[in-house]
Amino acid sequence: MSHKPRSMPVGQRNILRPNDSASLWNCTLSPGWTREESDILRKALMRFGVGNWKDIMESGCLPGKTNAQLNLQTQRLLGQQSTAEFQMLHIDPLVIGEKNAQIQGEHVKRKNGFIVNSGGKLSREEKLRRIKENKEKYELPEDVWSKIDLPRRDDPVILLEQKERQLAEMQQELIKVREWIQDRRTEVTKDAKALSLELDSFVENDENLDIMEETSRGKRIKRSP
């Protein structure tokens, strides 16, 4: 059974309001993203279309964000890994996220809060069919998305704060990586010591066996007529 977006006031069809589905407004954030930036991305996707990273970046609303970062956070807003079926559509991603949040079942696999691909790659025909279907279901009217205003975050102070925050996050990540490397080194050292003891024991047992064999051989020689 398909899940259709709830009815919205005229001019706001297929847009979630702040009091709708609160859990989706708390969707997970990718590393390096703030809640404010995620909300700006949501509006940028409505304004420029899903996957239109070039126009989003050139708009200046999310300075410093790369294609990969925009794509990953879009996946979290949509609640699914695949974005191909919404390519260039002017949609509110949280409408799709609300629908995906309600999908349950053993066949559903999730990672970082969103549904991951479980089948093969979509054929060109299937991709175009889904885009057409989603356009009819979810795309906003042009007189709505074309009027969405986005902040231009080119203020030097804002950019400096963003870079400082990114640097702090990278430093924290570096600390975690160093701790992981140290833990692996400790484990390797322990394994090496254990292996060395095993080898020493093996060599000692092998030497004892040689002595026993020599002793036994000597006894047999003495007993020979």
Protein backbone atom coordinates (compact mmCIF):
# COMPACT_ATOMS: atom_id res chain seq x y z
CA MET A 1 0.00 0.00 0.00
CA SER A 2 1.52 3.33 -1.08
CA HIS A 3 1.96 6.14 1.38
CA LYS A 4 0.88 9.51 0.06
CA PRO A 5 1.83 12.84 1.62
CA ARG A 6 -0.79 14.35 3.91
CA SER A 7 -2.86 17.23 2.60
CA MET A 8 -1.30 20.65 2.95
CA PRO A 9 -2.70 24.15 2.73
CA VAL A 10 -2.87 25.59 -0.76
CA GLY A 11 0.61 26.50 -1.95
CA GLN A 12 2.28 24.27 0.68
CA ARG A 13 1.44 20.81 -0.67
CA ASN A 14 4.00 18.13 0.12
CA ILE A 15 5.94 20.28 2.62
CA LEU A 16 6.22 19.18 6.23
CA ARG A 17 5.45 21.88 8.76
CA PRO A 18 7.50 22.33 11.95
CA ASN A 19 4.88 20.52 14.04
CA ASP A 20 4.73 17.52 11.67
CA SER A 21 6.56 14.26 12.45
CA ALA A 22 8.92 15.63 15.07
CA SER A 23 11.09 12.51 14.95
CA LEU A 24 12.04 13.29 11.37
CA TRP A 25 13.08 16.79 12.35
CA ASN A 26 15.63 15.05 14.53
CA CYS A 27 17.00 12.95 11.68
CA THR A 28 20.64 11.96 12.10
CA LEU A 29 23.37 14.36 11.07
CA SER A 30 26.43 13.46 9.05
CA PRO A 31 29.81 14.32 10.62
CA GLY A 32 30.52 18.03 10.25
CA TRP A 33 26.85 19.07 9.98
CA THR A 34 24.80 21.21 12.36
CA ARG A 35 21.02 21.13 12.65
CA GLU A 36 20.88 24.61 11.10
CA GLU A 37 22.95 23.53 8.10
CA SER A 38 20.76 20.46 7.61
CA ASP A 39 17.66 22.66 7.53
CA ILE A 40 19.35 24.95 4.97
CA LEU A 41 20.14 21.90 2.83
CA ARG A 42 16.50 20.82 3.05
CA LYS A 43 15.40 24.19 1.65
CA ALA A 44 18.18 24.14 -0.97
CA LEU A 45 16.96 20.75 -2.23
CA MET A 46 13.47 22.18 -2.58
CA ARG A 47 14.84 25.25 -4.35
CA PHE A 48 17.38 23.65 -6.74
CA GLY A 49 16.40 19.98 -6.89
CA VAL A 50 17.92 16.78 -5.51
CA GLY A 51 21.41 16.16 -6.87
CA ASN A 52 21.88 19.69 -8.20
CA TRP A 53 25.01 20.11 -6.11
CA LYS A 54 26.57 22.64 -8.49
CA ASP A 55 23.80 25.21 -8.06
CA ILE A 56 23.55 24.56 -4.32
CA MET A 57 27.27 25.18 -3.84
CA GLU A 58 27.28 28.24 -6.12
CA SER A 59 24.36 29.72 -4.16
CA GLY A 60 26.71 30.20 -1.20
CA CYS A 61 24.17 28.89 1.31
CA LEU A 62 26.44 26.08 2.51
CA PRO A 63 30.04 27.23 2.02
CA GLY A 64 32.72 24.61 2.40
CA LYS A 65 30.41 21.64 1.77
CA THR A 66 31.51 19.18 -0.93
CA ASN A 67 29.42 17.10 -3.33
CA ALA A 68 29.96 14.04 -1.15
CA GLN A 69 28.91 15.85 2.04
CA LEU A 70 25.76 17.24 0.41
CA ASN A 71 24.87 13.82 -0.96
CA LEU A 72 25.38 12.00 2.34
CA GLN A 73 23.26 14.43 4.36
CA THR A 74 20.59 14.31 1.64
CA GLN A 75 20.44 10.54 2.13
CA ARG A 76 19.80 11.09 5.83
CA LEU A 77 17.06 13.64 5.13
CA LEU A 78 15.41 11.28 2.62
CA GLY A 79 15.84 8.30 4.92
CA GLN A 80 17.28 6.19 2.12
CA GLN A 81 20.60 5.60 0.41
CA SER A 82 19.42 5.86 -3.19
CA THR A 83 18.75 9.37 -4.46
CA ALA A 84 18.57 8.50 -8.17
CA GLU A 85 14.77 8.25 -8.23
CA PHE A 86 14.49 11.90 -7.09
CA GLN A 87 17.17 13.29 -9.40
CA MET A 88 16.58 17.02 -10.07
CA LEU A 89 13.12 16.94 -8.47
CA HIS A 90 12.09 19.91 -6.31
CA ILE A 91 10.83 18.00 -3.28
CA ASP A 92 10.76 18.37 0.48
CA PRO A 93 13.10 15.52 1.52
CA LEU A 94 11.44 15.19 4.92
CA VAL A 95 8.20 14.07 3.24
CA ILE A 96 10.13 11.09 1.84
CA GLY A 97 11.92 10.67 5.16
CA GLU A 98 8.59 10.47 6.98
CA LYS A 99 7.41 7.74 4.60
CA ASN A 100 10.63 5.75 4.89
CA ALA A 101 10.59 6.00 8.69
CA GLN A 102 7.32 4.05 8.69
CA ILE A 103 8.64 1.17 6.56
CA GLN A 104 9.27 -1.91 8.68
CA GLY A 105 10.14 -5.53 8.00
CA GLU A 106 12.98 -8.05 7.93
CA HIS A 107 13.72 -7.09 4.33
CA VAL A 108 14.52 -3.49 5.35
CA LYS A 109 18.20 -2.85 6.05
CA ARG A 110 19.25 0.43 7.68
CA LYS A 111 22.56 2.15 8.31
CA ASN A 112 22.98 5.50 10.09
CA GLY A 113 19.21 5.72 10.24
CA PHE A 114 18.46 5.38 6.52
CA ILE A 115 17.45 2.47 4.29
CA VAL A 116 20.41 1.05 2.35
CA ASN A 117 20.26 -0.49 -1.11
CA SER A 118 19.57 -4.22 -1.08
CA GLY A 119 18.90 -4.87 -4.77
CA GLY A 120 20.86 -4.35 -7.96
CA LYS A 121 21.45 -1.06 -9.73
CA LEU A 122 18.36 0.52 -11.27
CA SER A 123 18.08 0.23 -15.03
CA ARG A 124 17.77 3.48 -16.97
CA GLU A 125 14.13 2.70 -17.75
CA GLU A 126 13.26 1.93 -14.12
CA LYS A 127 15.07 5.06 -12.92
CA LEU A 128 13.12 7.27 -15.37
CA ARG A 129 9.86 5.57 -14.42
CA ARG A 130 10.43 6.24 -10.73
CA ILE A 131 11.45 9.85 -11.34
CA LYS A 132 8.23 10.40 -13.32
CA GLU A 133 6.16 8.76 -10.57
CA ASN A 134 7.84 10.73 -7.79
CA LYS A 135 7.47 13.95 -9.73
CA GLU A 136 3.72 13.42 -9.86
CA LYS A 137 3.53 12.47 -6.18
CA TYR A 138 5.97 14.77 -4.45
CA GLU A 139 7.29 17.65 -6.55
CA LEU A 140 6.45 21.13 -5.34
CA PRO A 141 4.75 23.63 -7.65
CA GLU A 142 7.21 26.00 -9.31
CA ASP A 143 5.51 29.00 -7.74
CA VAL A 144 6.42 27.50 -4.35
CA TRP A 145 10.01 26.28 -4.81
CA SER A 146 11.07 29.27 -6.93
CA LYS A 147 10.24 31.64 -4.06
CA ILE A 148 12.29 29.85 -1.42
CA ASP A 149 14.98 32.19 -0.09
CA LEU A 150 18.29 30.82 1.08
CA PRO A 151 20.83 32.60 3.30
CA ARG A 152 24.16 33.47 1.74
CA ARG A 153 26.71 32.50 4.35
CA ASP A 154 29.68 34.42 2.98
CA ASP A 155 30.20 36.55 6.07
CA PRO A 156 33.91 36.22 7.05
CA VAL A 157 33.00 35.70 10.71
CA ILE A 158 30.58 32.88 9.84
CA LEU A 159 33.14 31.27 7.55
CA LEU A 160 35.82 31.50 10.24
CA GLU A 161 33.52 29.92 12.83
CA GLN A 162 32.67 27.12 10.41
CA LYS A 163 36.33 26.43 9.66
CA GLU A 164 37.17 26.43 13.38
CA ARG A 165 34.35 23.97 14.03
CA GLN A 166 35.52 21.74 11.18
CA LEU A 167 39.10 21.89 12.50
CA ALA A 168 37.93 20.91 15.99
CA GLU A 169 35.97 17.97 14.58
CA MET A 170 38.97 16.84 12.53
CA GLN A 171 41.19 17.06 15.63
CA GLN A 172 38.73 14.89 17.56
CA GLU A 173 38.67 12.40 14.71
CA LEU A 174 42.48 12.38 14.65
CA ILE A 175 42.54 11.62 18.38
CA LYS A 176 40.21 8.66 17.81
CA VAL A 177 42.38 7.37 14.96
CA ARG A 178 45.52 7.64 17.09
CA GLU A 179 43.82 5.80 19.95
CA TRP A 180 42.72 3.07 17.54
CA ILE A 181 46.27 2.73 16.18
CA GLN A 182 47.68 2.53 19.72
CA ASP A 183 45.15 -0.16 20.65
CA ARG A 184 46.11 -2.18 17.56
CA ARG A 185 49.80 -1.78 18.38
CA THR A 186 49.19 -3.04 21.92
CA GLU A 187 47.29 -6.04 20.60
CA VAL A 188 50.02 -6.82 18.05
CA THR A 189 52.70 -6.56 20.75
CA LYS A 190 50.77 -8.96 23.01
CA ASP A 191 50.25 -11.39 20.12
CA ALA A 192 53.95 -11.21 19.21
CA LYS A 193 55.01 -11.95 22.79
CA ALA A 194 52.62 -14.88 23.01
CA LEU A 195 53.87 -16.22 19.70
CA SER A 196 57.49 -15.83 20.85
CA LEU A 197 56.76 -17.82 24.03
CA GLU A 198 55.06 -20.53 22.00
CA LEU A 199 58.03 -20.69 19.65
CA ASP A 200 60.51 -20.88 22.54
CA SER A 201 58.46 -23.65 24.10
CA PHE A 202 58.32 -25.48 20.80
CA VAL A 203 62.09 -25.21 20.30
CA GLU A 204 62.75 -26.38 23.87
CA ASN A 205 60.41 -29.34 23.45
CA ASP A 206 62.04 -30.15 20.12
CA GLU A 207 65.52 -30.09 21.71
CA ASN A 208 64.33 -32.32 24.56
CA LEU A 209 62.90 -34.72 22.02
CA ASP A 210 66.24 -34.85 20.19
CA ILE A 211 68.05 -35.60 23.48
CA MET A 212 65.57 -38.35 24.29
CA GLU A 213 66.01 -39.86 20.84
CA GLU A 214 69.83 -39.75 21.16
CA THR A 215 69.67 -41.35 24.60
CA SER A 216 67.33 -44.04 23.35
CA ARG A 217 69.56 -44.70 20.32
CA GLY A 218 72.63 -45.00 22.61
CA LYS A 219 70.89 -47.55 24.81
CA ARG A 220 69.98 -49.65 21.77
CA ILE A 221 73.60 -49.63 20.56
CA LYS A 222 74.90 -50.82 23.95
CA ARG A 223 72.39 -53.68 23.97
CA SER A 224 73.40 -54.86 20.51
CA PRO A 225 75.42 -58.20 20.52
